[in-house]
Amino acid sequence: MSPVPVGGPALFIGTDTAYVALVRPELDPAEPGVRHAAEQAGVTPEEFAGPGDVWAVMVEAEDGGDGFELPGVRDSEPADFAGRLRAELAAATAPGATPAPFTVDGGAVLRLDARPAGPAAYAFTAHVTPPDDGTSAALTVETGPVDTAGLLADLDAFLGSLAS
């Protein structure tokens, strides 16, 4: 666990052991952990914290975790992805609806295939393709069942954090 507290918008899709996450980390230069880390790095706390506007994708699967930055991604792109995922989940779980598989395409980096996993859950296959840096390979993450109501609440919170 990092001693440096990290804030910022974050959306985790999956379980504790298998997930994909969209995050925009923000560090508070006034936090003691950030100040200490900056001192050890030989930079000011403001330099260490950075601008707090770079999105990243994090993944965790049975064979380990990975992550990469998404330079140039604006808040509107993760918000659009989350909004489309929310709309698909809401439609699939509406009264009288029959849960069905669906796909949410997040562009060149992320595609999410969803399939029903019981009466109130979906399982996901996340296809993650890091930006072409010549060293990172595409990843596939299979999640276990994810509670639909909980994910809808997380999506609302994520979208709310981007709107404020």
Protein backbone atom coordinates (compact mmCIF):
# COMPACT_ATOMS: atom_id res chain seq x y z
CA MET A 1 0.00 0.00 0.00
CA SER A 2 1.30 3.40 -0.94
CA PRO A 3 1.90 5.86 1.93
CA VAL A 4 0.97 8.66 -0.49
CA PRO A 5 -2.79 9.33 -0.50
CA VAL A 6 -4.22 9.48 -4.01
CA GLY A 7 -7.54 11.05 -4.97
CA GLY A 8 -9.24 11.79 -8.25
CA PRO A 9 -11.95 10.14 -10.32
CA ALA A 10 -11.76 6.35 -10.57
CA LEU A 11 -13.97 3.66 -12.04
CA PHE A 12 -13.24 0.02 -11.18
CA ILE A 13 -15.03 -2.67 -13.18
CA GLY A 14 -14.61 -6.17 -11.84
CA THR A 15 -13.76 -7.85 -8.56
CA ASP A 16 -10.97 -7.46 -6.00
CA THR A 17 -8.79 -9.91 -7.93
CA ALA A 18 -9.70 -9.22 -11.57
CA TYR A 19 -10.56 -5.73 -12.77
CA VAL A 20 -9.95 -2.93 -15.19
CA ALA A 21 -9.92 0.63 -13.89
CA LEU A 22 -9.98 4.09 -15.42
CA VAL A 23 -8.31 6.54 -13.05
CA ARG A 24 -7.13 10.13 -13.04
CA PRO A 25 -4.88 10.25 -9.98
CA GLU A 26 -4.63 13.50 -8.07
CA LEU A 27 -2.09 14.09 -5.33
CA ASP A 28 -2.51 16.85 -2.75
CA PRO A 29 0.84 18.66 -2.28
CA ALA A 30 -0.24 19.55 1.28
CA GLU A 31 -0.54 15.90 2.39
CA PRO A 32 2.34 14.82 4.66
CA GLY A 33 2.94 11.63 2.63
CA VAL A 34 3.24 13.64 -0.58
CA ARG A 35 5.58 16.15 1.07
CA HIS A 36 7.78 13.33 2.39
CA ALA A 37 7.88 11.54 -0.98
CA ALA A 38 8.72 14.81 -2.74
CA GLU A 39 11.54 15.48 -0.29
CA GLN A 40 12.96 12.02 -0.91
CA ALA A 41 12.68 12.55 -4.66
CA GLY A 42 14.41 15.93 -4.41
CA VAL A 43 11.55 17.94 -5.88
CA THR A 44 8.91 20.31 -4.55
CA PRO A 45 5.59 18.80 -3.43
CA GLU A 46 3.88 20.63 -6.29
CA GLU A 47 6.26 19.11 -8.84
CA PHE A 48 5.82 15.66 -7.28
CA ALA A 49 2.01 15.95 -7.33
CA GLY A 50 2.00 16.95 -10.97
CA PRO A 51 -0.97 18.41 -12.83
CA GLY A 52 -3.46 15.66 -11.88
CA ASP A 53 -4.96 15.61 -15.35
CA VAL A 54 -3.48 12.43 -16.89
CA TRP A 55 -5.81 9.44 -17.20
CA ALA A 56 -4.52 5.92 -16.77
CA VAL A 57 -5.79 2.38 -17.20
CA MET A 58 -5.00 -0.18 -14.52
CA VAL A 59 -5.64 -3.91 -14.83
CA GLU A 60 -5.42 -6.81 -12.42
CA ALA A 61 -5.82 -10.45 -13.42
CA GLU A 62 -4.71 -13.89 -12.29
CA ASP A 63 -1.31 -13.42 -13.93
CA GLY A 64 -0.62 -10.04 -12.33
CA GLY A 65 -1.33 -6.40 -12.84
CA ASP A 66 -0.28 -3.69 -15.24
CA GLY A 67 -1.15 -0.15 -16.12
CA PHE A 68 -0.38 2.67 -18.47
CA GLU A 69 -1.05 6.35 -18.95
CA LEU A 70 -3.38 7.76 -21.58
CA PRO A 71 -1.77 11.07 -22.56
CA GLY A 72 -4.13 13.53 -24.17
CA VAL A 73 -7.36 11.90 -22.93
CA ARG A 74 -9.90 14.46 -21.82
CA ASP A 75 -12.48 13.85 -19.07
CA SER A 76 -15.22 13.67 -21.71
CA GLU A 77 -13.87 10.38 -23.10
CA PRO A 78 -14.00 8.32 -19.86
CA ALA A 79 -17.33 10.02 -19.10
CA ASP A 80 -18.71 8.93 -22.48
CA PHE A 81 -17.51 5.35 -21.92
CA ALA A 82 -19.03 5.25 -18.41
CA GLY A 83 -22.28 6.78 -19.68
CA ARG A 84 -22.64 4.18 -22.40
CA LEU A 85 -21.84 1.36 -19.95
CA ARG A 86 -24.41 2.77 -17.54
CA ALA A 87 -27.07 2.98 -20.27
CA GLU A 88 -26.46 -0.63 -21.35
CA LEU A 89 -26.60 -1.93 -17.76
CA ALA A 90 -29.71 0.09 -16.97
CA ALA A 91 -31.48 -1.21 -20.08
CA ALA A 92 -30.45 -4.80 -19.35
CA THR A 93 -31.74 -4.63 -15.79
CA ALA A 94 -34.92 -2.61 -16.36
CA PRO A 95 -38.12 -4.24 -15.11
CA GLY A 96 -39.28 -6.78 -17.69
CA ALA A 97 -35.96 -6.76 -19.58
CA THR A 98 -34.15 -9.98 -20.33
CA PRO A 99 -30.46 -9.59 -19.45
CA ALA A 100 -28.41 -10.02 -22.61
CA PRO A 101 -24.75 -9.72 -23.59
CA PHE A 102 -23.53 -6.34 -24.81
CA THR A 103 -20.30 -4.58 -25.76
CA VAL A 104 -19.11 -1.08 -24.90
CA ASP A 105 -16.30 0.11 -27.15
CA GLY A 106 -13.94 2.60 -25.54
CA GLY A 107 -11.90 3.20 -28.66
CA ALA A 108 -8.42 1.93 -29.38
CA VAL A 109 -7.57 1.27 -25.73
CA LEU A 110 -10.55 -0.49 -24.12
CA ARG A 111 -13.44 -2.71 -25.18
CA LEU A 112 -15.72 -4.25 -22.60
CA ASP A 113 -17.79 -7.36 -23.37
CA ALA A 114 -20.52 -7.99 -20.79
CA ARG A 115 -22.58 -11.12 -20.24
CA PRO A 116 -25.25 -11.98 -17.68
CA ALA A 117 -23.90 -13.84 -14.64
CA GLY A 118 -27.02 -14.57 -12.64
CA PRO A 119 -30.17 -12.59 -11.94
CA ALA A 120 -28.47 -9.43 -10.63
CA ALA A 121 -24.91 -9.59 -11.96
CA TYR A 122 -22.79 -9.33 -15.06
CA ALA A 123 -19.33 -10.71 -15.79
CA PHE A 124 -16.97 -8.77 -18.04
CA THR A 125 -14.19 -9.45 -20.49
CA ALA A 126 -12.04 -6.34 -20.81
CA HIS A 127 -9.84 -6.11 -23.89
CA VAL A 128 -7.11 -3.58 -23.08
CA THR A 129 -4.64 -2.35 -25.67
CA PRO A 130 -1.91 -0.03 -24.38
CA PRO A 131 -0.90 2.88 -26.60
CA ASP A 132 1.78 1.68 -29.02
CA ASP A 133 5.03 2.07 -27.13
CA GLY A 134 6.62 -1.03 -28.62
CA THR A 135 6.91 -2.85 -25.29
CA SER A 136 3.37 -3.45 -23.98
CA ALA A 137 1.15 -6.27 -25.19
CA ALA A 138 -2.64 -6.31 -25.34
CA LEU A 139 -4.29 -7.70 -22.22
CA THR A 140 -7.54 -9.54 -21.59
CA VAL A 141 -9.11 -9.51 -18.14
CA GLU A 142 -11.98 -11.85 -17.22
CA THR A 143 -13.92 -10.71 -14.18
CA GLY A 144 -16.15 -12.78 -12.01
CA PRO A 145 -19.75 -11.75 -11.44
CA VAL A 146 -20.19 -8.07 -10.57
CA ASP A 147 -23.32 -6.89 -8.77
CA THR A 148 -25.23 -4.77 -11.27
CA ALA A 149 -26.82 -2.43 -8.71
CA GLY A 150 -23.43 -1.76 -7.13
CA LEU A 151 -21.80 -1.07 -10.49
CA LEU A 152 -24.63 1.28 -11.47
CA ALA A 153 -24.07 3.20 -8.21
CA ASP A 154 -20.30 3.31 -8.91
CA LEU A 155 -20.96 4.59 -12.43
CA ASP A 156 -23.24 7.33 -11.07
CA ALA A 157 -20.57 8.36 -8.52
CA PHE A 158 -17.86 8.35 -11.21
CA LEU A 159 -19.95 10.45 -13.59
CA GLY A 160 -20.81 12.80 -10.73
CA SER A 161 -17.13 13.24 -9.87
CA LEU A 162 -16.43 14.29 -13.44
CA ALA A 163 -19.34 16.72 -13.54
CA SER A 164 -18.20 18.65 -10.46
